[in-house]
Amino acid sequence: MKSYMANPATVERKWFVVDAAGIPLGRVATQVAAVLRGKHKPTFTPNVDCGDFVIVINCDKVVLTGKKLDQKLYTYHTGYVGGLKQIPYSEIMVKKADLAVYEAVKGMLPKNTLGKKMLKKLRVYKGAEHRQQAQQPVELKIEY
C-alpha cells in the first residue's frame, strides 16, 4: 500500500471561527495552531501547508491562569542598542489582546517559511465581529 502525500494543488481549505471568551490562552493557541498546520486532517503532510483558515474572536476575553497576568512578560527588541523592551501581560491584555493570541499561536508553529505561510491564514479580532462573513466560517469548538 502506498502512502498518501499531499501537494499544494490538491489541498482543500475551509474557514473556522473560534470564540475564545473564557478559555485559557494556551488551550486556544494549541488547537488553533493544529488547525492552521492541518494536523486535524487525515491527509496531513509535514512538508506541505495543508491547514485551514482560522478566525479568532473575543480574544480580549481570553483567560490567563495562575499569576501569569502579573508575572508573564512580553519581550521584544527594537533593533537599537539597549532596545530590549518588556511589557507585562496585564497591559498587553488591555491594550493589544489580539497580539497576545497572535504571538501564542506563532510560537507553536514551525519556525521556517512554511510556518510563516500558515500564520497568514490566522485572523484575530478583539470583539465578536469579524470581516470574513463571506467565507461562511464554521464554528470550531475548543476542548478544555
Protein backbone atom coordinates (compact mmCIF):
# COMPACT_ATOMS: atom_id res chain seq x y z
CA MET A 1 0.00 0.00 0.00
CA LYS A 2 1.30 3.45 -0.91
CA SER A 3 1.36 6.36 1.49
CA TYR A 4 -0.62 9.45 0.53
CA MET A 5 1.44 12.62 0.20
CA ALA A 6 -0.48 15.87 -0.20
CA ASN A 7 0.67 18.59 -2.56
CA PRO A 8 -0.40 22.25 -2.62
CA ALA A 9 -2.65 21.74 -5.67
CA THR A 10 -4.83 19.09 -4.00
CA VAL A 11 -5.32 20.75 -0.60
CA GLU A 12 -8.89 21.86 0.20
CA ARG A 13 -9.17 24.69 2.70
CA LYS A 14 -12.06 25.54 5.00
CA TRP A 15 -12.71 28.53 7.26
CA PHE A 16 -13.22 28.09 11.00
CA VAL A 17 -14.23 30.62 13.65
CA VAL A 18 -13.16 30.22 17.30
CA ASP A 19 -14.80 32.06 20.20
CA ALA A 20 -12.01 32.49 22.76
CA ALA A 21 -14.15 34.03 25.53
CA GLY A 22 -13.39 32.44 28.91
CA ILE A 23 -10.91 29.88 27.54
CA PRO A 24 -7.23 29.78 28.66
CA LEU A 25 -4.79 31.34 26.18
CA GLY A 26 -2.67 28.20 25.82
CA ARG A 27 -5.67 25.98 25.04
CA VAL A 28 -6.82 28.34 22.31
CA ALA A 29 -3.33 28.66 20.84
CA THR A 30 -2.57 24.92 20.71
CA GLN A 31 -5.79 23.96 18.99
CA VAL A 32 -5.70 26.90 16.58
CA ALA A 33 -2.08 26.05 15.67
CA ALA A 34 -3.07 22.43 14.99
CA VAL A 35 -5.84 23.55 12.61
CA LEU A 36 -3.55 26.06 10.87
CA ARG A 37 -0.99 23.30 10.41
CA GLY A 38 -3.57 20.76 9.17
CA LYS A 39 -2.97 18.11 11.83
CA HIS A 40 -6.72 17.55 12.19
CA LYS A 41 -6.92 16.16 8.65
CA PRO A 42 -6.17 12.57 7.65
CA THR A 43 -4.20 13.94 4.68
CA PHE A 44 -1.67 15.78 6.89
CA THR A 45 1.76 16.05 5.30
CA PRO A 46 4.52 17.74 7.35
CA ASN A 47 6.25 19.45 4.41
CA VAL A 48 3.07 20.89 2.85
CA ASP A 49 0.83 23.68 4.14
CA CYS A 50 -2.42 21.71 4.26
CA GLY A 51 -4.09 23.61 7.09
CA ASP A 52 -7.27 25.67 7.16
CA PHE A 53 -8.07 29.33 7.80
CA VAL A 54 -8.93 30.30 11.39
CA ILE A 55 -10.70 33.39 12.74
CA VAL A 56 -10.37 34.02 16.50
CA ILE A 57 -12.98 36.34 18.01
CA ASN A 58 -13.36 37.72 21.55
CA CYS A 59 -9.61 37.50 22.15
CA ASP A 60 -9.88 40.28 24.74
CA LYS A 61 -11.87 37.87 26.94
CA VAL A 62 -9.24 35.09 26.88
CA VAL A 63 -8.06 33.91 30.32
CA LEU A 64 -4.53 33.66 31.71
CA THR A 65 -4.44 31.15 34.57
CA GLY A 66 -2.49 31.46 37.80
CA LYS A 67 -0.36 34.59 38.27
CA LYS A 68 0.56 34.84 34.57
CA LEU A 69 -1.36 38.09 34.16
CA ASP A 70 1.04 39.81 36.59
CA GLN A 71 4.26 37.79 36.16
CA LYS A 72 4.41 36.91 32.44
CA LEU A 73 6.23 39.43 30.25
CA TYR A 74 6.01 40.12 26.53
CA THR A 75 9.61 40.70 25.45
CA TYR A 76 10.82 42.16 22.16
CA HIS A 77 13.82 44.07 20.83
CA THR A 78 13.59 47.30 18.84
CA GLY A 79 16.80 46.65 16.92
CA TYR A 80 18.69 49.51 18.51
CA VAL A 81 21.42 49.22 21.15
CA GLY A 82 19.80 48.76 24.55
CA GLY A 83 16.41 48.34 22.90
CA LEU A 84 15.12 45.36 24.88
CA LYS A 85 11.51 46.07 25.88
CA GLN A 86 9.38 44.10 28.33
CA ILE A 87 5.68 44.68 28.85
CA PRO A 88 3.61 42.77 31.44
CA TYR A 89 0.67 40.80 30.09
CA SER A 90 -1.69 42.84 32.29
CA GLU A 91 -1.01 45.79 29.92
CA ILE A 92 -1.00 43.65 26.78
CA MET A 93 -4.42 42.15 27.55
CA VAL A 94 -5.91 45.63 27.99
CA LYS A 95 -4.30 47.39 25.01
CA LYS A 96 -3.42 44.66 22.47
CA ALA A 97 -5.19 41.41 23.36
CA ASP A 98 -5.07 40.33 19.72
CA LEU A 99 -1.25 40.48 19.85
CA ALA A 100 -1.19 38.07 22.82
CA VAL A 101 -3.19 35.44 20.94
CA TYR A 102 -1.25 36.01 17.71
CA GLU A 103 2.14 35.60 19.42
CA ALA A 104 0.99 32.49 21.33
CA VAL A 105 -0.09 30.80 18.08
CA LYS A 106 3.06 31.98 16.28
CA GLY A 107 5.23 30.30 18.92
CA MET A 108 3.52 26.96 18.29
CA LEU A 109 4.04 26.88 14.52
CA PRO A 110 7.21 25.80 12.67
CA LYS A 111 9.99 28.39 12.59
CA ASN A 112 10.52 28.42 8.83
CA THR A 113 8.90 29.70 5.63
CA LEU A 114 6.15 27.10 5.93
CA GLY A 115 5.24 28.41 9.37
CA LYS A 116 5.04 31.96 8.00
CA LYS A 117 2.61 30.80 5.30
CA MET A 118 0.50 29.08 7.96
CA LEU A 119 0.42 32.21 10.12
CA LYS A 120 -1.02 34.25 7.24
CA LYS A 121 -4.18 32.14 7.48
CA LEU A 122 -4.88 33.42 11.03
CA ARG A 123 -7.22 36.36 11.72
CA VAL A 124 -7.58 37.66 15.30
CA TYR A 125 -10.26 40.13 16.46
CA LYS A 126 -10.94 41.72 19.85
CA GLY A 127 -14.73 41.81 19.62
CA ALA A 128 -17.39 39.38 18.46
CA GLU A 129 -17.47 40.88 14.96
CA HIS A 130 -15.23 39.75 12.09
CA ARG A 131 -14.91 40.69 8.43
CA GLN A 132 -14.94 37.21 6.90
CA GLN A 133 -18.70 36.53 6.77
CA ALA A 134 -18.47 35.97 3.01
CA GLN A 135 -16.32 32.87 3.57
CA GLN A 136 -19.10 31.32 5.73
CA PRO A 137 -16.83 30.03 8.51
CA VAL A 138 -17.83 27.00 10.57
CA GLU A 139 -17.64 27.21 14.35
CA LEU A 140 -14.75 25.26 15.88
CA LYS A 141 -15.26 24.11 19.46
CA ILE A 142 -12.22 24.39 21.72
CA GLU A 143 -11.95 21.48 24.15
CA TYR A 144 -10.59 22.39 27.57
